[in-house]
Protein backbone atom coordinates (compact mmCIF):
# COMPACT_ATOMS: atom_id res chain seq x y z
CA MET A 1 78.36 86.03 107.19
CA GLN A 2 74.92 86.21 105.76
CA SER A 3 74.24 87.62 102.32
CA LYS A 4 72.44 90.91 102.16
CA THR A 5 71.63 93.57 99.62
CA GLN A 6 74.82 95.45 98.80
CA ASN A 7 75.49 98.79 97.15
CA LEU A 8 77.43 98.02 93.98
CA ALA A 9 80.93 99.48 93.91
CA PRO A 10 81.10 102.76 91.92
CA ALA A 11 83.62 101.39 89.38
CA PHE A 12 80.94 99.09 87.94
CA THR A 13 78.70 102.06 87.22
CA LEU A 14 81.54 104.05 85.68
CA PHE A 15 82.87 101.09 83.70
CA PRO A 16 79.99 98.78 82.68
CA SER A 17 82.45 96.57 80.78
CA LEU A 18 83.57 95.17 84.14
CA LYS A 19 80.22 93.41 84.50
CA PRO A 20 79.42 89.96 83.08
CA PRO A 21 79.34 88.70 80.39
CA ASN A 22 82.28 90.97 79.54
CA LYS A 23 84.24 89.64 82.51
CA THR A 24 84.14 86.05 83.71
CA LEU A 25 83.62 84.64 87.19
CA ASN A 26 87.31 83.69 87.35
CA PHE A 27 88.29 87.28 86.58
CA HIS A 28 86.17 88.61 89.42
CA GLN A 29 87.38 85.93 91.83
CA PHE A 30 90.97 86.91 91.12
CA THR A 31 90.09 90.59 91.51
CA VAL A 32 88.43 89.98 94.88
CA LEU A 33 91.45 88.00 96.08
CA ALA A 34 93.84 90.75 94.98
CA ILE A 35 91.82 93.59 96.54
CA THR A 36 91.26 91.84 99.87
CA PHE A 37 94.92 90.73 99.91
CA LEU A 38 96.09 94.33 99.50
CA ALA A 39 93.53 95.60 102.00
CA TYR A 40 94.58 93.31 104.82
CA ALA A 41 98.28 93.62 103.97
CA SER A 42 97.90 97.39 104.39
CA PHE A 43 96.25 96.83 107.79
CA HIS A 44 99.30 94.88 108.92
CA ALA A 45 101.69 97.41 107.39
CA SER A 46 100.13 100.12 109.55
CA ARG A 47 100.66 98.01 112.70
CA LYS A 48 104.44 97.87 112.32
CA PRO A 49 105.43 101.50 113.11
CA PRO A 50 105.18 101.17 116.93
CA SER A 51 107.67 98.30 116.96
CA ILE A 52 109.98 100.11 114.52
CA VAL A 53 110.12 103.39 116.45
CA LYS A 54 110.43 101.92 119.95
CA GLY A 55 114.19 102.24 119.75
CA VAL A 56 113.80 105.97 119.06
CA LEU A 57 111.02 106.69 121.54
CA GLY A 58 112.33 104.61 124.40
CA PRO A 59 115.26 105.11 126.77
CA LYS A 60 118.79 104.38 125.67
CA ILE A 61 120.19 101.97 128.24
CA GLN A 62 123.97 102.28 128.52
CA LEU A 63 125.95 99.09 129.17
CA ASN A 64 129.09 99.48 131.28
CA SER A 65 130.83 96.08 131.65
CA SER A 66 128.26 94.04 133.62
CA MET A 67 126.36 97.05 134.96
CA ILE A 68 123.29 98.68 133.33
CA GLU A 69 122.95 102.40 133.85
CA SER A 70 119.25 103.08 134.17
CA ASN A 71 119.05 106.00 136.56
CA LEU A 72 115.97 108.17 135.90
CA ALA A 73 117.85 111.46 136.10
CA SER A 74 120.57 110.37 133.70
CA LEU A 75 118.04 109.02 131.23
CA GLU A 76 115.87 112.12 131.13
CA SER A 77 118.86 114.47 130.98
CA SER A 78 120.54 112.55 128.17
CA GLY A 79 118.33 114.09 125.49
CA THR A 80 117.51 110.71 123.99
CA GLY A 81 114.09 109.16 123.52
CA TRP A 82 110.71 110.87 123.62
CA VAL A 83 108.89 111.88 126.77
CA PRO A 84 106.98 110.05 128.29
CA PHE A 85 108.82 106.99 126.95
CA ASN A 86 112.41 107.96 127.74
CA GLY A 87 112.43 107.68 131.54
CA SER A 88 113.24 104.72 133.70
CA LYS A 89 109.68 103.47 133.11
CA GLY A 90 109.87 104.12 129.39
CA THR A 91 109.87 100.49 128.35
CA HIS A 92 106.84 99.84 130.55
CA ARG A 93 104.97 102.71 128.93
CA LEU A 94 105.79 101.41 125.48
CA GLY A 95 104.41 98.08 126.61
CA GLU A 96 101.24 99.85 127.69
CA LEU A 97 100.78 101.00 124.10
CA ASP A 98 100.87 97.39 122.92
CA LEU A 99 98.50 96.33 125.68
CA ALA A 100 96.05 99.11 124.80
CA PHE A 101 96.05 98.20 121.11
CA LEU A 102 95.77 94.43 121.56
CA SER A 103 93.05 94.67 124.22
CA ALA A 104 90.93 96.94 122.04
CA TYR A 105 91.61 94.75 119.01
CA SER A 106 90.52 91.54 120.73
CA ILE A 107 87.33 93.13 122.05
CA GLY A 108 86.60 94.80 118.74
CA MET A 109 86.89 91.54 116.81
CA TYR A 110 83.85 90.17 118.61
CA PHE A 111 81.66 93.15 117.81
CA ALA A 112 83.01 93.64 114.28
CA GLY A 113 81.77 90.21 113.26
CA HIS A 114 78.26 90.93 114.49
CA VAL A 115 78.13 94.35 112.87
CA GLY A 116 79.47 92.97 109.58
CA ASP A 117 76.55 90.53 109.44
CA ARG A 118 74.12 93.42 109.34
CA ILE A 119 75.63 96.10 107.10
CA ASP A 120 77.40 96.44 103.76
CA LEU A 121 80.75 94.68 104.16
CA ARG A 122 82.44 96.87 101.56
CA LEU A 123 81.51 100.09 103.32
CA PHE A 124 82.30 98.60 106.73
CA LEU A 125 85.75 97.54 105.54
CA VAL A 126 86.39 100.99 104.06
CA PHE A 127 85.30 102.53 107.36
CA GLY A 128 87.83 100.38 109.21
CA MET A 129 90.64 101.14 106.77
CA VAL A 130 90.12 104.89 106.68
CA GLY A 131 89.72 105.02 110.47
CA SER A 132 92.89 102.97 110.99
CA GLY A 133 94.81 105.15 108.57
CA LEU A 134 93.69 108.40 110.17
CA LEU A 135 94.50 107.19 113.67
CA THR A 136 97.93 105.97 112.59
CA ILE A 137 98.55 109.43 111.12
CA ILE A 138 97.25 111.11 114.29
CA PHE A 139 99.72 109.07 116.35
CA GLY A 140 102.53 110.30 114.10
CA LEU A 141 101.37 113.90 114.36
CA GLY A 142 102.46 113.77 117.99
CA TYR A 143 105.99 114.25 116.64
CA TRP A 144 105.28 117.61 115.01
CA LEU A 145 102.77 118.74 117.63
CA ASN A 146 105.35 117.95 120.32
CA VAL A 147 102.90 115.81 122.30
CA HIS A 148 104.33 114.26 125.48
CA TRP A 149 101.12 113.13 127.19
CA LEU A 150 100.88 109.37 127.63
CA GLY A 151 97.08 109.47 127.52
CA TYR A 152 97.19 110.82 123.97
CA PHE A 153 99.20 107.88 122.64
CA VAL A 154 97.29 105.25 124.63
CA GLY A 155 93.94 106.69 123.53
CA VAL A 156 94.96 106.66 119.88
CA GLN A 157 96.13 103.05 120.19
CA ILE A 158 92.83 101.98 121.75
CA LEU A 159 90.81 103.56 118.95
CA CYS A 160 93.18 102.21 116.33
CA GLY A 161 92.80 98.69 117.74
CA LEU A 162 89.01 98.96 117.44
CA PHE A 163 89.20 100.09 113.81
CA GLN A 164 91.82 97.47 112.96
CA SER A 165 89.54 94.73 114.29
CA ILE A 166 87.11 95.43 111.45
CA GLY A 167 89.51 94.15 108.81
CA TRP A 168 89.72 90.40 109.39
CA PRO A 169 86.01 89.53 109.70
CA CYS A 170 85.24 91.55 106.57
CA VAL A 171 87.91 90.17 104.24
CA VAL A 172 87.31 86.56 105.35
CA ALA A 173 83.58 86.91 104.76
CA VAL A 174 84.08 88.40 101.29
CA VAL A 175 86.53 85.69 100.20
CA GLY A 176 84.17 83.05 101.57
CA ASN A 177 81.34 84.46 99.44
CA TRP A 178 83.36 84.09 96.26
CA PHE A 179 84.88 80.64 96.68
CA GLY A 180 83.17 77.31 97.20
CA LYS A 181 84.12 74.99 100.00
CA ALA A 182 86.17 72.70 97.77
CA LYS A 183 88.59 75.48 96.85
CA ARG A 184 88.91 77.32 100.13
CA GLY A 185 91.86 75.32 101.52
CA LEU A 186 94.20 76.16 98.66
CA ILE A 187 92.89 79.70 98.29
CA MET A 188 93.21 80.53 101.97
CA GLY A 189 96.67 79.01 102.15
CA ILE A 190 97.94 81.37 99.47
CA TRP A 191 95.80 84.36 100.38
CA THR A 192 96.74 84.48 104.07
CA SER A 193 100.32 85.33 103.15
CA HIS A 194 99.02 88.92 103.20
CA THR A 195 99.94 89.02 106.89
CA SER A 196 103.63 88.42 106.23
CA VAL A 197 103.67 90.65 103.16
CA GLY A 198 102.05 93.47 105.12
CA ASN A 199 104.50 93.11 107.99
CA ILE A 200 107.44 93.23 105.59
CA ILE A 201 106.11 96.27 103.74
CA GLY A 202 105.30 98.04 107.01
CA SER A 203 108.77 97.38 108.41
CA VAL A 204 110.52 98.55 105.23
CA VAL A 205 108.42 101.69 104.89
CA ALA A 206 108.53 102.69 108.56
CA SER A 207 112.27 102.12 108.89
CA GLY A 208 112.95 103.77 105.53
CA VAL A 209 111.48 107.13 106.56
CA LEU A 210 112.53 106.99 110.23
CA GLU A 211 115.61 109.12 109.60
CA TYR A 212 113.36 112.08 108.72
CA GLY A 213 111.58 111.89 112.10
CA TRP A 214 109.61 109.13 113.80
CA GLY A 215 106.32 110.79 112.87
CA TRP A 216 106.85 109.89 109.23
CA SER A 217 107.00 106.20 110.19
CA PHE A 218 103.32 106.51 111.13
CA VAL A 219 102.10 108.98 108.54
CA VAL A 220 103.28 107.08 105.46
CA PRO A 221 101.72 103.69 106.42
CA GLY A 222 98.57 105.55 107.52
CA VAL A 223 98.25 107.16 104.10
CA LEU A 224 98.86 103.76 102.51
CA VAL A 225 95.89 102.21 104.32
CA ILE A 226 93.62 105.07 103.28
CA LEU A 227 94.66 104.76 99.63
CA PHE A 228 93.88 101.06 99.61
CA GLY A 229 90.61 101.89 101.34
CA VAL A 230 89.72 104.01 98.30
CA LEU A 231 90.55 101.01 96.09
CA VAL A 232 88.20 98.83 98.13
CA PHE A 233 85.44 101.42 97.95
CA LEU A 234 85.70 101.71 94.17
CA PHE A 235 86.14 98.09 93.12
CA LEU A 236 85.28 95.48 95.77
CA VAL A 237 82.23 93.32 95.09
CA VAL A 238 81.06 91.54 98.23
CA ASN A 239 78.87 88.81 96.70
CA PRO A 240 78.86 87.16 93.23
CA GLU A 241 75.12 87.75 92.86
CA ASP A 242 75.62 91.50 93.23
CA ILE A 243 76.87 91.63 89.64
CA GLY A 244 74.77 88.84 88.19
CA PHE A 245 76.56 85.60 89.03
CA GLU A 246 74.69 82.79 90.75
CA THR A 247 75.42 82.21 94.43
CA LEU A 248 78.23 79.69 94.79
CA ARG A 249 77.18 76.39 96.34
CA GLU A 250 79.17 75.01 99.24
CA GLY A 251 80.45 72.07 97.18
CA ASP A 252 81.62 74.20 94.21
């Protein structure tokens, strides 16, 4: 993504000692890697709740020898699951949530890259993180608000997919700004483990609070994304030249 004039992160105004020559280029490169790692890991953590709570939301299929009991009346009268996901078409409706999210995500990725080329990447990334967090929380609020309308959950997933699509183009562009071509293979190999780390954290957190109600499995990861969004807003520097370092050459 092309370099552009950026608004310096507030932490560098509050703490001038973070600027060079007090802090070296290596220090800032490590800081950028850590912040973007945590940012994208939190994105992935907030994607895990739907897969974790499917067993609670969906129908409980009873196995009787070789016969599967899946009668609509028995399912909806059993008291298990969450309307509209507990009927005979419950698994299909849960699949529709995944389809809604992934479709919006794939479309959003295309536009996020173009938008990121034209505005402050730090603020754009924060926008995506806060939006994703709020929408994840809103999905979970359906538990306490006793929402049983499929359109509510599908709509939230579509919007969440659009906000989630902002993450990858932004973090890749920022890391690319800070590391020369010669180092990117090793750096990217280590850095991209954020996907697995985020999935693990999301699974542990969502399953850990599930016993208190499936809504918590969304609210806690949603809050996590927002908190890391605040970290990005305060400390992320998009380009080395923004704090006085020379632009890194491709061969560096």
